[in-house]
């Protein structure tokens, strides 16, 4: 266990977290082309996690005390790492266990501290047992799962929670005594569209017309949309975006999690992995959406505005993300937690996975019973939502002449 990510050299951490990108920049649109390939994930990178700690966004003072796990062979070479935190609350996780904590403490137990394996404040799926592919990968994943349980006992924590993990890791964790939990997000998948118009043609006519209308009305009132990435993101842009982030965060959960310093740090170390979509009116920024660019996925993270205009949120967060993903030939867009309104805009239900080790046998039994019912509910909800897909039922592209009466509204 290391109490700060700076105690692990960046090359060592990234060699486990993003082995296909370690030591060199890979093309942003490079997708996995083999079973053993691992697409670059910006959130598990040393740069992103160290920015959280250096900016004091994720520290012991904020209730996120780093307890990162490192697995080494007898010669001291790293075989795997895990981003892990000792937590004194359940904020900033997006997989909710406050009800478990309340029930346990009413029964006389102490739920906190607990161990949280995740990327703080980031509800994006990715690997959590960060192991490079190879003959030892399966062993290393199992060892890390067991090592977390040992760390839980050593720290006198009530539990270990691994959130937004891959389904393959979820199954491995279950083999090592972890309880299985599922939830749902809405993701956009790219089957190989050449243009945004190709995507629209795959939708039912009513949905296609609605999206065109929303995009048209979003930029009325003299609004201009600009995309910033790499060196085009300056401190003035971050100042504007931080104001948007603070406005949204203060309304949603009372106190935003990220400090202003965090944005400057990721801007300095990860600019080429960032897409900042900004809206301008009368010469100033009025709204923005922050995205991170993975090897095959665009991850939408934060949004905010100081002026509110119809459909501007949908344009910046959803349609610009889809357009960018098509241009960069990315396989999907993950637009964050919750939001059934995303369904009508082409984002379909996708199951997310978490695993939970509960030390107390009584609490474990109660949670296991609850999770069995919850998984059934999540599955049923996903089927119901999938049936309401906005895509054409034949699944193909629609090529047809536009009727004259449609031209004014389409």
Protein backbone atom coordinates (compact mmCIF):
# COMPACT_ATOMS: atom_id res chain seq x y z
CA UNK A 1 0.00 0.00 0.00
CA UNK A 2 1.24 3.49 -0.84
CA UNK A 3 -0.31 6.62 0.73
CA UNK A 4 0.14 8.82 -2.37
CA UNK A 5 0.29 8.14 -6.07
CA UNK A 6 3.48 10.17 -6.30
CA UNK A 7 5.22 7.25 -4.55
CA UNK A 8 4.67 5.19 -7.70
CA UNK A 9 6.63 6.43 -10.75
CA UNK A 10 4.34 7.48 -13.58
CA UNK A 11 5.92 5.02 -16.01
CA UNK A 12 5.34 2.15 -13.57
CA UNK A 13 1.71 3.09 -12.88
CA UNK A 14 0.86 3.73 -16.53
CA UNK A 15 2.61 0.53 -17.57
CA UNK A 16 -0.14 -1.26 -15.63
CA UNK A 17 -3.01 1.17 -16.16
CA UNK A 18 -2.56 1.95 -19.86
CA UNK A 19 0.08 -0.47 -21.16
CA UNK A 20 -0.63 0.16 -24.85
CA UNK A 21 0.03 3.89 -24.36
CA UNK A 22 2.83 3.77 -21.77
CA UNK A 23 5.94 5.60 -22.88
CA UNK A 24 4.48 6.87 -26.14
CA UNK A 25 1.42 8.61 -27.49
CA UNK A 26 -0.95 6.33 -29.39
CA UNK A 27 -3.49 7.67 -31.93
CA UNK A 28 -6.50 9.04 -30.09
CA UNK A 29 -8.89 6.98 -32.21
CA UNK A 30 -6.96 3.69 -31.83
CA UNK A 31 -9.41 1.00 -30.86
CA UNK A 32 -8.68 -2.43 -29.41
CA UNK A 33 -7.76 -4.66 -32.36
CA UNK A 34 -6.95 -7.81 -30.38
CA UNK A 35 -8.38 -9.62 -27.39
CA UNK A 36 -5.36 -8.69 -25.27
CA UNK A 37 -5.34 -5.00 -26.23
CA UNK A 38 -6.37 -2.43 -23.65
CA UNK A 39 -7.84 0.86 -24.83
CA UNK A 40 -6.38 3.96 -23.19
CA UNK A 41 -8.43 5.20 -20.24
CA UNK A 42 -7.65 8.80 -19.19
CA UNK A 43 -9.10 8.43 -15.69
CA UNK A 44 -6.82 5.63 -14.52
CA UNK A 45 -3.73 7.43 -15.80
CA UNK A 46 -1.09 8.67 -13.37
CA UNK A 47 -1.63 12.22 -14.64
CA UNK A 48 -5.35 12.28 -13.83
CA UNK A 49 -5.11 10.62 -10.42
CA UNK A 50 -2.11 12.71 -9.36
CA UNK A 51 -3.99 15.88 -10.37
CA UNK A 52 -6.80 14.87 -8.00
CA UNK A 53 -4.34 14.52 -5.13
CA UNK A 54 -2.10 17.49 -5.93
CA UNK A 55 -5.12 19.80 -6.27
CA UNK A 56 -6.41 18.60 -2.88
CA UNK A 57 -9.61 17.37 -4.47
CA UNK A 58 -9.03 13.78 -3.32
CA UNK A 59 -7.11 13.79 -0.03
CA UNK A 60 -7.61 12.66 3.55
CA UNK A 61 -8.98 16.12 4.36
CA UNK A 62 -11.75 15.73 1.76
CA UNK A 63 -12.51 12.20 2.96
CA UNK A 64 -10.53 10.45 0.21
CA UNK A 65 -7.34 9.17 1.85
CA UNK A 66 -5.19 7.43 -0.79
CA UNK A 67 -4.41 3.77 -0.05
CA UNK A 68 -3.28 2.62 -3.47
CA UNK A 69 -2.36 -1.05 -3.80
CA UNK A 70 0.74 -2.20 -5.69
CA UNK A 71 1.42 -5.85 -6.53
CA UNK A 72 5.11 -6.67 -7.06
CA UNK A 73 6.97 -9.79 -8.04
CA UNK A 74 9.88 -11.02 -5.85
CA UNK A 75 12.25 -8.82 -7.83
CA UNK A 76 10.23 -5.67 -7.13
CA UNK A 77 8.72 -5.28 -10.58
CA UNK A 78 5.10 -4.06 -10.57
CA UNK A 79 2.56 -6.60 -11.82
CA UNK A 80 -0.52 -4.53 -11.06
CA UNK A 81 -1.90 -1.50 -9.25
CA UNK A 82 -5.28 -0.45 -7.83
CA UNK A 83 -6.54 3.13 -7.20
CA UNK A 84 -7.92 2.83 -3.67
CA UNK A 85 -9.04 5.28 -0.96
CA UNK A 86 -9.96 5.04 2.72
CA UNK A 87 -13.21 6.95 3.02
CA UNK A 88 -15.08 8.59 5.89
CA UNK A 89 -18.29 9.19 3.87
CA UNK A 90 -20.03 8.02 0.68
CA UNK A 91 -20.00 11.24 -1.33
CA UNK A 92 -18.69 11.53 -4.88
CA UNK A 93 -19.11 7.84 -5.75
CA UNK A 94 -22.36 7.60 -7.81
CA UNK A 95 -23.01 4.07 -6.52
CA UNK A 96 -25.12 4.70 -3.47
CA UNK A 97 -24.63 2.82 -0.21
CA UNK A 98 -25.78 5.40 2.33
CA UNK A 99 -28.77 3.19 3.16
CA UNK A 100 -26.41 0.36 4.06
CA UNK A 101 -24.41 2.68 6.29
CA UNK A 102 -27.52 3.98 8.07
CA UNK A 103 -28.87 0.48 8.72
CA UNK A 104 -25.54 -0.82 10.02
CA UNK A 105 -25.01 2.12 12.35
CA UNK A 106 -28.58 1.89 13.70
CA UNK A 107 -27.76 -1.73 14.55
CA UNK A 108 -24.68 -0.61 16.49
CA UNK A 109 -22.02 -1.10 13.81
CA UNK A 110 -19.49 1.35 12.38
CA UNK A 111 -19.65 1.57 8.59
CA UNK A 112 -16.90 4.16 8.16
CA UNK A 113 -14.07 4.01 7.34
CA UNK A 114 -14.51 1.90 4.25
CA UNK A 115 -12.23 1.22 1.28
CA UNK A 116 -13.29 2.62 -2.09
CA UNK A 117 -11.70 1.36 -5.30
CA UNK A 118 -12.63 3.90 -7.94
CA UNK A 119 -11.64 7.07 -9.72
CA UNK A 120 -12.93 9.81 -7.38
CA UNK A 121 -15.94 11.79 -8.61
CA UNK A 122 -15.92 9.91 -11.93
CA UNK A 123 -18.79 7.53 -12.81
CA UNK A 124 -17.05 6.08 -15.87
CA UNK A 125 -16.48 2.38 -16.47
CA UNK A 126 -12.89 1.19 -16.65
CA UNK A 127 -10.51 -1.40 -15.34
CA UNK A 128 -9.88 -1.32 -11.59
CA UNK A 129 -7.42 -4.22 -11.28
CA UNK A 130 -4.83 -2.45 -13.41
CA UNK A 131 -2.78 -5.32 -14.78
CA UNK A 132 -0.85 -5.42 -18.04
CA UNK A 133 -1.88 -8.23 -20.40
CA UNK A 134 0.26 -11.34 -20.29
CA UNK A 135 0.54 -14.81 -18.78
CA UNK A 136 0.42 -13.46 -15.22
CA UNK A 137 -2.61 -11.21 -15.70
CA UNK A 138 -5.20 -13.61 -14.28
CA UNK A 139 -3.04 -14.38 -11.25
CA UNK A 140 -2.37 -10.69 -10.65
CA UNK A 141 -6.08 -9.78 -10.75
CA UNK A 142 -6.90 -12.49 -8.22
CA UNK A 143 -4.04 -11.39 -5.97
CA UNK A 144 -5.24 -7.79 -6.03
CA UNK A 145 -8.80 -8.83 -5.16
CA UNK A 146 -7.48 -10.76 -2.16
CA UNK A 147 -5.04 -7.99 -1.28
CA UNK A 148 -7.89 -5.50 -0.96
CA UNK A 149 -9.60 -7.75 1.57
CA UNK A 150 -6.35 -7.97 3.55
CA UNK A 151 -5.99 -4.18 3.45
CA UNK A 152 -9.59 -3.85 4.64
CA UNK A 153 -8.78 -5.97 7.69
CA UNK A 154 -5.51 -4.12 8.36
CA UNK A 155 -7.21 -0.72 8.21
CA UNK A 156 -10.13 -1.95 10.36
CA UNK A 157 -12.53 -0.90 7.60
CA UNK A 158 -16.06 -2.25 7.30
CA UNK A 159 -15.96 -3.05 3.61
CA UNK A 160 -14.37 -2.77 0.16
CA UNK A 161 -16.33 -1.23 -2.72
CA UNK A 162 -15.09 -1.56 -6.32
CA UNK A 163 -17.23 0.65 -8.55
CA UNK A 164 -17.60 1.13 -12.33
CA UNK A 165 -15.41 -1.89 -13.01
CA UNK A 166 -15.45 -4.01 -16.14
CA UNK A 167 -17.78 -6.98 -16.32
CA UNK A 168 -14.82 -9.37 -16.55
CA UNK A 169 -13.37 -7.98 -13.31
CA UNK A 170 -16.82 -8.14 -11.72
CA UNK A 171 -16.92 -11.86 -12.31
CA UNK A 172 -13.41 -12.35 -10.96
CA UNK A 173 -14.32 -10.42 -7.81
CA UNK A 174 -17.38 -12.63 -7.30
CA UNK A 175 -15.11 -15.69 -7.34
CA UNK A 176 -13.20 -14.11 -4.45
CA UNK A 177 -16.20 -13.46 -2.22
CA UNK A 178 -17.37 -10.04 -3.38
CA UNK A 179 -21.10 -9.32 -3.72
CA UNK A 180 -22.26 -8.29 -7.19
CA UNK A 181 -24.18 -5.12 -7.94
CA UNK A 182 -25.45 -3.61 -11.20
CA UNK A 183 -26.82 -0.25 -12.26
CA UNK A 184 -27.51 1.58 -15.48
CA UNK A 185 -26.17 4.42 -17.57
CA UNK A 186 -26.87 5.60 -21.10
CA UNK A 187 -24.11 5.28 -23.71
CA UNK A 188 -23.99 6.08 -27.41
CA UNK A 189 -22.48 3.42 -29.67
CA UNK A 190 -20.91 4.08 -33.06
CA UNK A 191 -21.45 1.24 -35.57
CA UNK A 192 -19.32 3.08 -38.11
CA UNK A 193 -21.19 6.27 -39.01
CA UNK A 194 -19.41 8.49 -41.49
CA UNK A 195 -21.25 11.66 -40.54
CA UNK A 196 -23.75 12.96 -38.00
CA UNK A 197 -26.33 12.80 -40.78
CA UNK A 198 -25.74 9.03 -41.00
CA UNK A 199 -26.60 8.78 -37.32
CA UNK A 200 -29.77 10.82 -37.84
CA UNK A 201 -30.81 8.58 -40.73
CA UNK A 202 -30.69 5.58 -38.40
CA UNK A 203 -33.35 7.16 -36.16
CA UNK A 204 -37.11 7.05 -36.48
CA UNK A 205 -38.35 10.06 -38.44
CA UNK A 206 -40.00 11.75 -35.45
CA UNK A 207 -36.82 11.50 -33.34
CA UNK A 208 -34.67 12.71 -36.22
CA UNK A 209 -36.80 15.79 -36.73
CA UNK A 210 -36.79 16.54 -32.99
CA UNK A 211 -32.99 16.46 -32.82
CA UNK A 212 -32.65 18.73 -35.85
CA UNK A 213 -35.02 21.20 -34.25
CA UNK A 214 -33.15 21.09 -30.94
CA UNK A 215 -29.80 21.68 -32.62
CA UNK A 216 -31.20 24.58 -34.62
CA UNK A 217 -32.80 26.27 -31.63
CA UNK A 218 -29.77 25.71 -29.36
CA UNK A 219 -27.66 28.17 -31.34
CA UNK A 220 -30.29 30.86 -31.75
CA UNK A 221 -29.76 34.20 -29.99
CA UNK A 222 -26.32 34.60 -31.53
CA UNK A 223 -24.70 31.59 -29.86
CA UNK A 224 -21.47 30.19 -31.30
CA UNK A 225 -20.13 26.71 -30.44
CA UNK A 226 -16.35 26.24 -30.24
CA UNK A 227 -14.32 23.13 -29.51
CA UNK A 228 -11.08 23.47 -27.61
CA UNK A 229 -8.42 20.82 -27.21
CA UNK A 230 -4.67 20.69 -26.77
CA UNK A 231 -2.90 24.06 -26.71
CA UNK A 232 -6.13 25.93 -27.55
CA UNK A 233 -7.31 25.42 -23.94
CA UNK A 234 -5.90 28.36 -21.98
CA UNK A 235 -6.39 29.51 -18.40
CA UNK A 236 -9.12 31.94 -19.45
CA UNK A 237 -11.12 29.01 -20.78
CA UNK A 238 -10.56 27.11 -17.53
CA UNK A 239 -11.61 30.16 -15.50
CA UNK A 240 -14.85 30.33 -17.46
CA UNK A 241 -15.49 26.61 -17.25
CA UNK A 242 -14.82 26.52 -13.50
CA UNK A 243 -17.53 29.15 -13.03
CA UNK A 244 -19.92 26.90 -14.96
CA UNK A 245 -18.87 23.87 -12.91
CA UNK A 246 -19.36 25.69 -9.61
CA UNK A 247 -22.83 26.84 -10.61
CA UNK A 248 -23.97 23.32 -11.55
CA UNK A 249 -22.26 21.63 -8.61
CA UNK A 250 -23.64 24.05 -6.06
CA UNK A 251 -27.18 23.40 -7.28
CA UNK A 252 -26.81 19.60 -7.52
CA UNK A 253 -24.96 18.54 -4.42
CA UNK A 254 -24.21 21.61 -2.33
CA UNK A 255 -20.44 21.75 -2.63
CA UNK A 256 -18.55 20.86 -5.82
CA UNK A 257 -15.85 18.25 -5.39
CA UNK A 258 -13.09 19.53 -7.68
CA UNK A 259 -10.89 22.53 -6.92
CA UNK A 260 -9.90 25.16 -9.47
CA UNK A 261 -6.31 23.86 -9.35
CA UNK A 262 -7.43 20.47 -10.65
CA UNK A 263 -8.45 21.89 -14.03
CA UNK A 264 -5.13 23.68 -14.51
CA UNK A 265 -3.22 20.52 -13.62
CA UNK A 266 -5.06 18.24 -16.05
CA UNK A 267 -4.90 21.02 -18.63
CA UNK A 268 -1.11 21.08 -18.29
CA UNK A 269 -0.57 17.31 -18.32
CA UNK A 270 -3.47 15.95 -20.42
CA UNK A 271 -4.50 18.71 -22.83
CA UNK A 272 -4.47 16.42 -25.85
CA UNK A 273 -6.85 14.08 -24.03
CA UNK A 274 -9.37 16.83 -23.27
CA UNK A 275 -12.22 18.20 -25.35
CA UNK A 276 -13.80 21.37 -24.00
CA UNK A 277 -16.98 22.30 -25.88
CA UNK A 278 -17.84 25.93 -25.17
CA UNK A 279 -20.71 28.23 -26.12
CA UNK A 280 -20.06 31.93 -26.71
CA UNK A 281 -22.49 34.82 -26.97
CA UNK A 282 -21.67 38.50 -27.35
CA UNK A 283 -17.97 37.70 -27.14
CA UNK A 284 -17.93 35.77 -23.87
CA UNK A 285 -18.24 32.15 -22.82
CA UNK A 286 -21.67 31.34 -21.39
CA UNK A 287 -21.66 27.53 -21.12
CA UNK A 288 -19.39 24.55 -21.53
CA UNK A 289 -19.03 20.77 -21.41
CA UNK A 290 -15.84 18.94 -20.40
CA UNK A 291 -14.96 15.64 -22.07
CA UNK A 292 -11.96 13.31 -21.82
CA UNK A 293 -10.74 11.38 -24.88
CA UNK A 294 -10.00 7.71 -24.40
CA UNK A 295 -8.55 5.20 -26.83
CA UNK A 296 -11.97 4.20 -28.12
CA UNK A 297 -14.40 6.24 -25.99
CA UNK A 298 -15.27 9.88 -25.45
CA UNK A 299 -16.16 10.41 -21.78
CA UNK A 300 -18.49 13.30 -21.00
CA UNK A 301 -17.86 14.57 -17.50
CA UNK A 302 -19.02 18.05 -16.46
CA UNK A 303 -21.33 20.73 -17.75
CA UNK A 304 -22.38 24.18 -16.61
CA UNK A 305 -23.73 27.52 -17.77
CA UNK A 306 -24.17 31.09 -16.63
CA UNK A 307 -26.86 31.72 -19.23
CA UNK A 308 -29.60 29.21 -19.90
CA UNK A 309 -30.95 28.75 -23.42
CA UNK A 310 -33.32 26.06 -24.76
CA UNK A 311 -31.55 22.83 -25.77
CA UNK A 312 -28.06 24.26 -25.24
CA UNK A 313 -27.30 21.52 -22.70
CA UNK A 314 -28.25 18.82 -25.23
CA UNK A 315 -26.16 20.44 -27.95
CA UNK A 316 -22.99 20.81 -25.88
CA UNK A 317 -23.15 17.55 -23.96
CA UNK A 318 -24.75 15.06 -26.35
CA UNK A 319 -24.82 16.15 -29.99
CA UNK A 320 -21.35 17.72 -30.07
CA UNK A 321 -19.99 14.61 -28.34
CA UNK A 322 -21.59 12.32 -30.94
CA UNK A 323 -20.30 14.48 -33.78
CA UNK A 324 -16.77 14.49 -32.35
CA UNK A 325 -16.82 10.71 -31.80
CA UNK A 326 -17.88 10.14 -35.41
CA UNK A 327 -15.15 12.44 -36.68
CA UNK A 328 -12.50 10.70 -34.56
CA UNK A 329 -13.92 7.23 -35.29
CA UNK A 330 -14.41 6.51 -31.61
CA UNK A 331 -16.52 3.50 -30.70
CA UNK A 332 -18.74 5.11 -28.07
CA UNK A 333 -19.66 8.10 -25.94
CA UNK A 334 -20.23 7.70 -22.21
CA UNK A 335 -22.22 10.68 -21.02
CA UNK A 336 -22.03 10.14 -17.26
CA UNK A 337 -24.50 8.98 -14.64
CA UNK A 338 -28.29 8.85 -14.79
CA UNK A 339 -30.50 10.63 -17.31
CA UNK A 340 -33.29 8.74 -19.07
CA UNK A 341 -33.73 11.85 -21.23
CA UNK A 342 -30.59 10.70 -23.07
CA UNK A 343 -32.55 7.81 -24.60
CA UNK A 344 -34.40 10.04 -27.07
CA UNK A 345 -31.03 11.41 -28.21
CA UNK A 346 -29.52 8.09 -29.21
CA UNK A 347 -27.95 7.01 -25.92
CA UNK A 348 -29.06 3.49 -25.01
CA UNK A 349 -29.12 1.73 -21.61
CA UNK A 350 -25.84 0.10 -20.62
CA UNK A 351 -25.26 -1.96 -17.48
CA UNK A 352 -22.58 -0.85 -15.03
CA UNK A 353 -20.95 -3.15 -12.49
CA UNK A 354 -19.64 -2.90 -8.95
CA UNK A 355 -18.43 -5.45 -6.39
CA UNK A 356 -18.60 -5.22 -2.60
CA UNK A 357 -16.76 -7.10 0.14
CA UNK A 358 -18.63 -6.78 3.47
CA UNK A 359 -16.71 -7.90 6.56
CA UNK A 360 -19.64 -8.31 8.99
CA UNK A 361 -21.51 -11.58 8.21
CA UNK A 362 -24.92 -10.21 9.26
CA UNK A 363 -24.61 -7.07 7.17
CA UNK A 364 -23.27 -9.13 4.30
CA UNK A 365 -26.33 -11.41 4.30
CA UNK A 366 -28.74 -8.47 4.38
CA UNK A 367 -26.95 -6.69 1.51
CA UNK A 368 -26.72 -9.91 -0.54
CA UNK A 369 -30.51 -10.33 -0.30
CA UNK A 370 -31.06 -6.72 -1.32
CA UNK A 371 -28.67 -6.94 -4.28
CA UNK A 372 -30.38 -10.02 -5.65
CA UNK A 373 -33.64 -8.08 -5.92
CA UNK A 374 -31.91 -4.96 -7.21
CA UNK A 375 -30.16 -6.81 -10.04
CA UNK A 376 -33.50 -8.21 -11.20
CA UNK A 377 -34.99 -4.70 -11.19
CA UNK A 378 -32.05 -3.26 -13.16
CA UNK A 379 -32.36 -6.01 -15.78
CA UNK A 380 -36.10 -5.45 -16.15
CA UNK A 381 -35.69 -1.67 -16.41
CA UNK A 382 -33.00 -2.06 -19.09
CA UNK A 383 -35.26 -4.26 -21.20
CA UNK A 384 -38.13 -1.81 -20.90
CA UNK A 385 -35.96 1.16 -21.84
CA UNK A 386 -34.33 -0.68 -24.74
CA UNK A 387 -37.79 -1.27 -26.17
CA UNK A 388 -38.21 2.53 -26.33
CA UNK A 389 -35.10 2.96 -28.50
CA UNK A 390 -35.28 5.95 -30.88
CA UNK A 391 -33.66 3.96 -33.67
CA UNK A 392 -35.55 2.61 -36.65
CA UNK A 393 -36.82 -0.86 -35.94
CA UNK A 394 -35.13 -2.41 -38.98
CA UNK A 395 -31.78 -1.21 -37.61
CA UNK A 396 -30.68 0.10 -41.01
CA UNK A 397 -30.05 3.46 -42.62
CA UNK A 398 -32.99 5.25 -44.16
CA UNK A 399 -32.41 6.77 -47.59
CA UNK A 400 -35.48 8.49 -48.99
CA UNK A 401 -36.50 11.69 -50.77
CA UNK A 402 -37.66 14.50 -48.53
CA UNK A 403 -41.28 15.43 -49.08
CA UNK A 404 -41.92 19.09 -49.85
CA UNK A 405 -44.09 19.52 -46.77
CA UNK A 406 -41.21 18.37 -44.57
CA UNK A 407 -38.68 20.88 -45.81
CA UNK A 408 -39.77 23.71 -43.54
CA UNK A 409 -39.68 21.64 -40.37
CA UNK A 410 -36.93 19.06 -40.93
